[in-house]
mmCIF file of all heavy atoms, coordinates in Angstrom:
data_MODEL
# 
_entry.id   MODEL 
# 
loop_
_atom_site.group_PDB 
_atom_site.id 
_atom_site.type_symbol 
_atom_site.label_atom_id 
_atom_site.label_alt_id 
_atom_site.label_comp_id 
_atom_site.label_asym_id 
_atom_site.label_entity_id 
_atom_site.label_seq_id 
_atom_site.pdbx_PDB_ins_code 
_atom_site.Cartn_x 
_atom_site.Cartn_y 
_atom_site.Cartn_z 
_atom_site.occupancy 
_atom_site.B_iso_or_equiv 
_atom_site.pdbx_formal_charge 
_atom_site.auth_seq_id 
_atom_site.auth_comp_id 
_atom_site.auth_asym_id 
_atom_site.auth_atom_id 
_atom_site.pdbx_PDB_model_num 
ATOM 1   N N   . GLY A 1 1  ? 132.461 77.291  -23.788 1.00 0.00 ? 1  GLY A N   1 
ATOM 2   C CA  . GLY A 1 1  ? 131.685 76.198  -24.351 1.00 0.00 ? 1  GLY A CA  1 
ATOM 3   C C   . GLY A 1 1  ? 131.998 74.885  -23.666 1.00 0.00 ? 1  GLY A C   1 
ATOM 4   O O   . GLY A 1 1  ? 132.613 74.859  -22.602 1.00 0.00 ? 1  GLY A O   1 
ATOM 5   N N   . LEU A 1 2  ? 131.564 73.814  -24.306 1.00 0.00 ? 2  LEU A N   1 
ATOM 6   C CA  . LEU A 1 2  ? 131.773 72.462  -23.803 1.00 0.00 ? 2  LEU A CA  1 
ATOM 7   C C   . LEU A 1 2  ? 132.936 71.836  -24.561 1.00 0.00 ? 2  LEU A C   1 
ATOM 8   O O   . LEU A 1 2  ? 132.965 71.866  -25.800 1.00 0.00 ? 2  LEU A O   1 
ATOM 9   C CB  . LEU A 1 2  ? 130.506 71.635  -24.000 1.00 0.00 ? 2  LEU A CB  1 
ATOM 10  C CG  . LEU A 1 2  ? 130.597 70.135  -23.675 1.00 0.00 ? 2  LEU A CG  1 
ATOM 11  C CD1 . LEU A 1 2  ? 130.872 69.939  -22.194 1.00 0.00 ? 2  LEU A CD1 1 
ATOM 12  C CD2 . LEU A 1 2  ? 129.303 69.438  -24.093 1.00 0.00 ? 2  LEU A CD2 1 
ATOM 13  N N   . VAL A 1 3  ? 133.881 71.269  -23.828 1.00 0.00 ? 3  VAL A N   1 
ATOM 14  C CA  . VAL A 1 3  ? 135.045 70.645  -24.442 1.00 0.00 ? 3  VAL A CA  1 
ATOM 15  C C   . VAL A 1 3  ? 135.394 69.389  -23.663 1.00 0.00 ? 3  VAL A C   1 
ATOM 16  O O   . VAL A 1 3  ? 135.154 69.313  -22.457 1.00 0.00 ? 3  VAL A O   1 
ATOM 17  C CB  . VAL A 1 3  ? 136.234 71.634  -24.469 1.00 0.00 ? 3  VAL A CB  1 
ATOM 18  C CG1 . VAL A 1 3  ? 136.662 72.028  -23.069 1.00 0.00 ? 3  VAL A CG1 1 
ATOM 19  C CG2 . VAL A 1 3  ? 137.395 71.092  -25.266 1.00 0.00 ? 3  VAL A CG2 1 
ATOM 20  N N   . GLN A 1 4  ? 135.954 68.404  -24.347 1.00 0.00 ? 4  GLN A N   1 
ATOM 21  C CA  . GLN A 1 4  ? 136.358 67.167  -23.691 1.00 0.00 ? 4  GLN A CA  1 
ATOM 22  C C   . GLN A 1 4  ? 137.679 67.353  -22.953 1.00 0.00 ? 4  GLN A C   1 
ATOM 23  O O   . GLN A 1 4  ? 138.479 68.223  -23.313 1.00 0.00 ? 4  GLN A O   1 
ATOM 24  C CB  . GLN A 1 4  ? 136.500 66.054  -24.724 1.00 0.00 ? 4  GLN A CB  1 
ATOM 25  C CG  . GLN A 1 4  ? 135.200 65.629  -25.366 1.00 0.00 ? 4  GLN A CG  1 
ATOM 26  C CD  . GLN A 1 4  ? 135.366 64.415  -26.257 1.00 0.00 ? 4  GLN A CD  1 
ATOM 27  O OE1 . GLN A 1 4  ? 136.474 64.087  -26.696 1.00 0.00 ? 4  GLN A OE1 1 
ATOM 28  N NE2 . GLN A 1 4  ? 134.268 63.739  -26.541 1.00 0.00 ? 4  GLN A NE2 1 
ATOM 29  N N   . PRO A 1 5  ? 137.916 66.548  -21.938 1.00 0.00 ? 5  PRO A N   1 
ATOM 30  C CA  . PRO A 1 5  ? 139.210 66.610  -21.244 1.00 0.00 ? 5  PRO A CA  1 
ATOM 31  C C   . PRO A 1 5  ? 140.357 66.444  -22.227 1.00 0.00 ? 5  PRO A C   1 
ATOM 32  O O   . PRO A 1 5  ? 140.301 65.607  -23.129 1.00 0.00 ? 5  PRO A O   1 
ATOM 33  C CB  . PRO A 1 5  ? 139.128 65.441  -20.266 1.00 0.00 ? 5  PRO A CB  1 
ATOM 34  C CG  . PRO A 1 5  ? 137.677 65.295  -19.988 1.00 0.00 ? 5  PRO A CG  1 
ATOM 35  C CD  . PRO A 1 5  ? 136.993 65.592  -21.294 1.00 0.00 ? 5  PRO A CD  1 
ATOM 36  N N   . GLY A 1 6  ? 141.391 67.274  -22.034 1.00 0.00 ? 6  GLY A N   1 
ATOM 37  C CA  . GLY A 1 6  ? 142.524 67.272  -22.948 1.00 0.00 ? 6  GLY A CA  1 
ATOM 38  C C   . GLY A 1 6  ? 142.380 68.235  -24.100 1.00 0.00 ? 6  GLY A C   1 
ATOM 39  O O   . GLY A 1 6  ? 143.347 68.477  -24.836 1.00 0.00 ? 6  GLY A O   1 
ATOM 40  N N   . GLY A 1 7  ? 141.199 68.793  -24.260 1.00 0.00 ? 7  GLY A N   1 
ATOM 41  C CA  . GLY A 1 7  ? 140.945 69.717  -25.363 1.00 0.00 ? 7  GLY A CA  1 
ATOM 42  C C   . GLY A 1 7  ? 141.405 71.131  -25.068 1.00 0.00 ? 7  GLY A C   1 
ATOM 43  O O   . GLY A 1 7  ? 142.003 71.399  -24.017 1.00 0.00 ? 7  GLY A O   1 
ATOM 44  N N   . SER A 1 8  ? 141.118 72.022  -26.032 1.00 0.00 ? 8  SER A N   1 
ATOM 45  C CA  . SER A 1 8  ? 141.558 73.413  -25.929 1.00 0.00 ? 8  SER A CA  1 
ATOM 46  C C   . SER A 1 8  ? 140.407 74.363  -26.218 1.00 0.00 ? 8  SER A C   1 
ATOM 47  O O   . SER A 1 8  ? 139.469 74.021  -26.953 1.00 0.00 ? 8  SER A O   1 
ATOM 48  C CB  . SER A 1 8  ? 142.692 73.691  -26.929 1.00 0.00 ? 8  SER A CB  1 
ATOM 49  O OG  . SER A 1 8  ? 143.825 72.894  -26.672 1.00 0.00 ? 8  SER A OG  1 
ATOM 50  N N   . LEU A 1 9  ? 140.500 75.538  -25.646 1.00 0.00 ? 9  LEU A N   1 
ATOM 51  C CA  . LEU A 1 9  ? 139.584 76.644  -25.936 1.00 0.00 ? 9  LEU A CA  1 
ATOM 52  C C   . LEU A 1 9  ? 140.376 77.940  -25.860 1.00 0.00 ? 9  LEU A C   1 
ATOM 53  O O   . LEU A 1 9  ? 141.367 78.022  -25.121 1.00 0.00 ? 9  LEU A O   1 
ATOM 54  C CB  . LEU A 1 9  ? 138.440 76.714  -24.923 1.00 0.00 ? 9  LEU A CB  1 
ATOM 55  C CG  . LEU A 1 9  ? 137.251 75.773  -25.055 1.00 0.00 ? 9  LEU A CG  1 
ATOM 56  C CD1 . LEU A 1 9  ? 136.301 75.984  -23.866 1.00 0.00 ? 9  LEU A CD1 1 
ATOM 57  C CD2 . LEU A 1 9  ? 136.515 75.985  -26.367 1.00 0.00 ? 9  LEU A CD2 1 
ATOM 58  N N   . ARG A 1 10 ? 139.920 78.940  -26.598 1.00 0.00 ? 10 ARG A N   1 
ATOM 59  C CA  . ARG A 1 10 ? 140.493 80.274  -26.468 1.00 0.00 ? 10 ARG A CA  1 
ATOM 60  C C   . ARG A 1 10 ? 139.389 81.250  -26.120 1.00 0.00 ? 10 ARG A C   1 
ATOM 61  O O   . ARG A 1 10 ? 138.427 81.423  -26.879 1.00 0.00 ? 10 ARG A O   1 
ATOM 62  C CB  . ARG A 1 10 ? 141.198 80.734  -27.745 1.00 0.00 ? 10 ARG A CB  1 
ATOM 63  C CG  . ARG A 1 10 ? 141.967 82.042  -27.531 1.00 0.00 ? 10 ARG A CG  1 
ATOM 64  C CD  . ARG A 1 10 ? 142.747 82.493  -28.732 1.00 0.00 ? 10 ARG A CD  1 
ATOM 65  N NE  . ARG A 1 10 ? 141.927 83.162  -29.714 1.00 0.00 ? 10 ARG A NE  1 
ATOM 66  C CZ  . ARG A 1 10 ? 142.374 84.038  -30.608 1.00 0.00 ? 10 ARG A CZ  1 
ATOM 67  N NH1 . ARG A 1 10 ? 143.661 84.351  -30.618 1.00 0.00 ? 10 ARG A NH1 1 
ATOM 68  N NH2 . ARG A 1 10 ? 141.569 84.586  -31.492 1.00 0.00 ? 10 ARG A NH2 1 
ATOM 69  N N   . LEU A 1 11 ? 139.538 81.873  -24.969 1.00 0.00 ? 11 LEU A N   1 
ATOM 70  C CA  . LEU A 1 11 ? 138.602 82.898  -24.540 1.00 0.00 ? 11 LEU A CA  1 
ATOM 71  C C   . LEU A 1 11 ? 139.083 84.258  -25.022 1.00 0.00 ? 11 LEU A C   1 
ATOM 72  O O   . LEU A 1 11 ? 140.294 84.521  -25.076 1.00 0.00 ? 11 LEU A O   1 
ATOM 73  C CB  . LEU A 1 11 ? 138.469 82.909  -23.023 1.00 0.00 ? 11 LEU A CB  1 
ATOM 74  C CG  . LEU A 1 11 ? 138.081 81.594  -22.353 1.00 0.00 ? 11 LEU A CG  1 
ATOM 75  C CD1 . LEU A 1 11 ? 137.919 81.807  -20.848 1.00 0.00 ? 11 LEU A CD1 1 
ATOM 76  C CD2 . LEU A 1 11 ? 136.818 81.023  -22.953 1.00 0.00 ? 11 LEU A CD2 1 
ATOM 77  N N   . SER A 1 12 ? 138.115 85.114  -25.336 1.00 0.00 ? 12 SER A N   1 
ATOM 78  C CA  . SER A 1 12 ? 138.415 86.493  -25.720 1.00 0.00 ? 12 SER A CA  1 
ATOM 79  C C   . SER A 1 12 ? 137.657 87.448  -24.823 1.00 0.00 ? 12 SER A C   1 
ATOM 80  O O   . SER A 1 12 ? 136.566 87.116  -24.343 1.00 0.00 ? 12 SER A O   1 
ATOM 81  C CB  . SER A 1 12 ? 138.018 86.746  -27.174 1.00 0.00 ? 12 SER A CB  1 
ATOM 82  O OG  . SER A 1 12 ? 138.717 85.906  -28.071 1.00 0.00 ? 12 SER A OG  1 
ATOM 83  N N   . CYS A 1 13 ? 138.223 88.609  -24.601 1.00 0.00 ? 13 CYS A N   1 
ATOM 84  C CA  . CYS A 1 13 ? 137.578 89.665  -23.820 1.00 0.00 ? 13 CYS A CA  1 
ATOM 85  C C   . CYS A 1 13 ? 137.755 90.962  -24.599 1.00 0.00 ? 13 CYS A C   1 
ATOM 86  O O   . CYS A 1 13 ? 138.869 91.496  -24.671 1.00 0.00 ? 13 CYS A O   1 
ATOM 87  C CB  . CYS A 1 13 ? 138.204 89.767  -22.439 1.00 0.00 ? 13 CYS A CB  1 
ATOM 88  S SG  . CYS A 1 13 ? 137.652 91.214  -21.491 1.00 0.00 ? 13 CYS A SG  1 
ATOM 89  N N   . ALA A 1 14 ? 136.664 91.440  -25.183 1.00 0.00 ? 14 ALA A N   1 
ATOM 90  C CA  . ALA A 1 14 ? 136.702 92.675  -25.956 1.00 0.00 ? 14 ALA A CA  1 
ATOM 91  C C   . ALA A 1 14 ? 136.377 93.853  -25.050 1.00 0.00 ? 14 ALA A C   1 
ATOM 92  O O   . ALA A 1 14 ? 135.351 93.850  -24.356 1.00 0.00 ? 14 ALA A O   1 
ATOM 93  C CB  . ALA A 1 14 ? 135.694 92.601  -27.099 1.00 0.00 ? 14 ALA A CB  1 
ATOM 94  N N   . ALA A 1 15 ? 137.261 94.859  -25.045 1.00 0.00 ? 15 ALA A N   1 
ATOM 95  C CA  . ALA A 1 15 ? 137.085 96.036  -24.201 1.00 0.00 ? 15 ALA A CA  1 
ATOM 96  C C   . ALA A 1 15 ? 136.550 97.197  -25.017 1.00 0.00 ? 15 ALA A C   1 
ATOM 97  O O   . ALA A 1 15 ? 136.910 97.372  -26.184 1.00 0.00 ? 15 ALA A O   1 
ATOM 98  C CB  . ALA A 1 15 ? 138.408 96.420  -23.552 1.00 0.00 ? 15 ALA A CB  1 
ATOM 99  N N   . SER A 1 16 ? 135.700 98.023  -24.382 1.00 0.00 ? 16 SER A N   1 
ATOM 100 C CA  . SER A 1 16 ? 135.144 99.194  -25.059 1.00 0.00 ? 16 SER A CA  1 
ATOM 101 C C   . SER A 1 16 ? 136.108 100.370 -25.019 1.00 0.00 ? 16 SER A C   1 
ATOM 102 O O   . SER A 1 16 ? 135.860 101.393 -25.645 1.00 0.00 ? 16 SER A O   1 
ATOM 103 C CB  . SER A 1 16 ? 133.808 99.592  -24.423 1.00 0.00 ? 16 SER A CB  1 
ATOM 104 O OG  . SER A 1 16 ? 133.996 99.956  -23.067 1.00 0.00 ? 16 SER A OG  1 
ATOM 105 N N   . ALA A 1 17 ? 137.192 100.232 -24.264 1.00 0.00 ? 17 ALA A N   1 
ATOM 106 C CA  . ALA A 1 17 ? 138.219 101.258 -24.179 1.00 0.00 ? 17 ALA A CA  1 
ATOM 107 C C   . ALA A 1 17 ? 139.541 100.700 -24.687 1.00 0.00 ? 17 ALA A C   1 
ATOM 108 O O   . ALA A 1 17 ? 139.706 99.474  -24.770 1.00 0.00 ? 17 ALA A O   1 
ATOM 109 C CB  . ALA A 1 17 ? 138.388 101.737 -22.737 1.00 0.00 ? 17 ALA A CB  1 
ATOM 110 N N   . ASN A 1 18 ? 140.456 101.591 -25.009 1.00 0.00 ? 18 ASN A N   1 
ATOM 111 C CA  . ASN A 1 18 ? 141.772 101.155 -25.458 1.00 0.00 ? 18 ASN A CA  1 
ATOM 112 C C   . ASN A 1 18 ? 142.470 100.415 -24.323 1.00 0.00 ? 18 ASN A C   1 
ATOM 113 O O   . ASN A 1 18 ? 142.565 100.924 -23.213 1.00 0.00 ? 18 ASN A O   1 
ATOM 114 C CB  . ASN A 1 18 ? 142.594 102.379 -25.886 1.00 0.00 ? 18 ASN A CB  1 
ATOM 115 C CG  . ASN A 1 18 ? 143.794 101.988 -26.708 1.00 0.00 ? 18 ASN A CG  1 
ATOM 116 O OD1 . ASN A 1 18 ? 144.468 101.010 -26.393 1.00 0.00 ? 18 ASN A OD1 1 
ATOM 117 N ND2 . ASN A 1 18 ? 144.062 102.737 -27.756 1.00 0.00 ? 18 ASN A ND2 1 
ATOM 118 N N   . THR A 1 19 ? 142.931 99.220  -24.601 1.00 0.00 ? 19 THR A N   1 
ATOM 119 C CA  . THR A 1 19 ? 143.518 98.410  -23.535 1.00 0.00 ? 19 THR A CA  1 
ATOM 120 C C   . THR A 1 19 ? 144.824 98.996  -22.990 1.00 0.00 ? 19 THR A C   1 
ATOM 121 O O   . THR A 1 19 ? 145.265 98.603  -21.919 1.00 0.00 ? 19 THR A O   1 
ATOM 122 C CB  . THR A 1 19 ? 143.760 96.970  -24.008 1.00 0.00 ? 19 THR A CB  1 
ATOM 123 O OG1 . THR A 1 19 ? 144.444 96.988  -25.255 1.00 0.00 ? 19 THR A OG1 1 
ATOM 124 C CG2 . THR A 1 19 ? 142.437 96.223  -24.161 1.00 0.00 ? 19 THR A CG2 1 
ATOM 125 N N   . VAL A 1 20 ? 145.418 99.937  -23.690 1.00 0.00 ? 20 VAL A N   1 
ATOM 126 C CA  . VAL A 1 20 ? 146.619 100.574 -23.133 1.00 0.00 ? 20 VAL A CA  1 
ATOM 127 C C   . VAL A 1 20 ? 146.255 101.484 -21.962 1.00 0.00 ? 20 VAL A C   1 
ATOM 128 O O   . VAL A 1 20 ? 147.125 101.917 -21.212 1.00 0.00 ? 20 VAL A O   1 
ATOM 129 C CB  . VAL A 1 20 ? 147.392 101.379 -24.195 1.00 0.00 ? 20 VAL A CB  1 
ATOM 130 C CG1 . VAL A 1 20 ? 147.886 100.476 -25.296 1.00 0.00 ? 20 VAL A CG1 1 
ATOM 131 C CG2 . VAL A 1 20 ? 146.555 102.518 -24.734 1.00 0.00 ? 20 VAL A CG2 1 
ATOM 132 N N   . SER A 1 21 ? 144.947 101.758 -21.786 1.00 0.00 ? 21 SER A N   1 
ATOM 133 C CA  . SER A 1 21 ? 144.502 102.583 -20.664 1.00 0.00 ? 21 SER A CA  1 
ATOM 134 C C   . SER A 1 21 ? 144.344 101.774 -19.384 1.00 0.00 ? 21 SER A C   1 
ATOM 135 O O   . SER A 1 21 ? 143.986 102.330 -18.338 1.00 0.00 ? 21 SER A O   1 
ATOM 136 C CB  . SER A 1 21 ? 143.170 103.259 -21.005 1.00 0.00 ? 21 SER A CB  1 
ATOM 137 O OG  . SER A 1 21 ? 142.130 102.313 -21.084 1.00 0.00 ? 21 SER A OG  1 
ATOM 138 N N   . PHE A 1 22 ? 144.615 100.474 -19.474 1.00 0.00 ? 22 PHE A N   1 
ATOM 139 C CA  . PHE A 1 22 ? 144.511 99.631  -18.283 1.00 0.00 ? 22 PHE A CA  1 
ATOM 140 C C   . PHE A 1 22 ? 145.890 99.338  -17.719 1.00 0.00 ? 22 PHE A C   1 
ATOM 141 O O   . PHE A 1 22 ? 146.833 99.042  -18.444 1.00 0.00 ? 22 PHE A O   1 
ATOM 142 C CB  . PHE A 1 22 ? 143.832 98.306  -18.623 1.00 0.00 ? 22 PHE A CB  1 
ATOM 143 C CG  . PHE A 1 22 ? 142.437 98.444  -19.160 1.00 0.00 ? 22 PHE A CG  1 
ATOM 144 C CD1 . PHE A 1 22 ? 142.044 97.748  -20.286 1.00 0.00 ? 22 PHE A CD1 1 
ATOM 145 C CD2 . PHE A 1 22 ? 141.506 99.264  -18.532 1.00 0.00 ? 22 PHE A CD2 1 
ATOM 146 C CE1 . PHE A 1 22 ? 140.760 97.870  -20.784 1.00 0.00 ? 22 PHE A CE1 1 
ATOM 147 C CE2 . PHE A 1 22 ? 140.230 99.397  -19.031 1.00 0.00 ? 22 PHE A CE2 1 
ATOM 148 C CZ  . PHE A 1 22 ? 139.853 98.697  -20.161 1.00 0.00 ? 22 PHE A CZ  1 
ATOM 149 N N   . LYS A 1 23 ? 146.000 99.426  -16.413 1.00 0.00 ? 23 LYS A N   1 
ATOM 150 C CA  . LYS A 1 23 ? 147.249 99.075  -15.752 1.00 0.00 ? 23 LYS A CA  1 
ATOM 151 C C   . LYS A 1 23 ? 147.479 97.573  -15.846 1.00 0.00 ? 23 LYS A C   1 
ATOM 152 O O   . LYS A 1 23 ? 148.596 97.120  -16.074 1.00 0.00 ? 23 LYS A O   1 
ATOM 153 C CB  . LYS A 1 23 ? 147.204 99.514  -14.287 1.00 0.00 ? 23 LYS A CB  1 
ATOM 154 C CG  . LYS A 1 23 ? 148.465 99.184  -13.511 1.00 0.00 ? 23 LYS A CG  1 
ATOM 155 C CD  . LYS A 1 23 ? 148.401 99.769  -12.112 1.00 0.00 ? 23 LYS A CD  1 
ATOM 156 C CE  . LYS A 1 23 ? 147.382 99.092  -11.254 1.00 0.00 ? 23 LYS A CE  1 
ATOM 157 N NZ  . LYS A 1 23 ? 147.422 99.569  -9.848  1.00 0.00 ? 23 LYS A NZ  1 
ATOM 158 N N   . SER A 1 24 ? 146.443 96.820  -15.640 1.00 0.00 ? 24 SER A N   1 
ATOM 159 C CA  . SER A 1 24 ? 146.560 95.369  -15.709 1.00 0.00 ? 24 SER A CA  1 
ATOM 160 C C   . SER A 1 24 ? 145.253 94.794  -16.222 1.00 0.00 ? 24 SER A C   1 
ATOM 161 O O   . SER A 1 24 ? 144.190 95.414  -16.099 1.00 0.00 ? 24 SER A O   1 
ATOM 162 C CB  . SER A 1 24 ? 146.878 94.771  -14.338 1.00 0.00 ? 24 SER A CB  1 
ATOM 163 O OG  . SER A 1 24 ? 145.793 94.940  -13.445 1.00 0.00 ? 24 SER A OG  1 
ATOM 164 N N   . MET A 1 25 ? 145.357 93.603  -16.790 1.00 0.00 ? 25 MET A N   1 
ATOM 165 C CA  . MET A 1 25 ? 144.180 92.838  -17.187 1.00 0.00 ? 25 MET A CA  1 
ATOM 166 C C   . MET A 1 25 ? 144.382 91.418  -16.707 1.00 0.00 ? 25 MET A C   1 
ATOM 167 O O   . MET A 1 25 ? 145.523 90.936  -16.604 1.00 0.00 ? 25 MET A O   1 
ATOM 168 C CB  . MET A 1 25 ? 143.972 92.883  -18.698 1.00 0.00 ? 25 MET A CB  1 
ATOM 169 C CG  . MET A 1 25 ? 143.735 94.284  -19.240 1.00 0.00 ? 25 MET A CG  1 
ATOM 170 S SD  . MET A 1 25 ? 143.249 94.307  -20.982 1.00 0.00 ? 25 MET A SD  1 
ATOM 171 C CE  . MET A 1 25 ? 141.516 93.813  -20.835 1.00 0.00 ? 25 MET A CE  1 
ATOM 172 N N   . ALA A 1 26 ? 143.284 90.755  -16.408 1.00 0.00 ? 26 ALA A N   1 
ATOM 173 C CA  . ALA A 1 26 ? 143.399 89.438  -15.797 1.00 0.00 ? 26 ALA A CA  1 
ATOM 174 C C   . ALA A 1 26 ? 142.175 88.593  -16.130 1.00 0.00 ? 26 ALA A C   1 
ATOM 175 O O   . ALA A 1 26 ? 141.146 89.098  -16.577 1.00 0.00 ? 26 ALA A O   1 
ATOM 176 C CB  . ALA A 1 26 ? 143.543 89.567  -14.283 1.00 0.00 ? 26 ALA A CB  1 
# 
């Protein structure tokens, strides 16, 4: 989204598979 300088955001990434099946995420 849009945020002012100095502000905060939290991004999420929902996976369709169990994340333990991934060697790495980035």
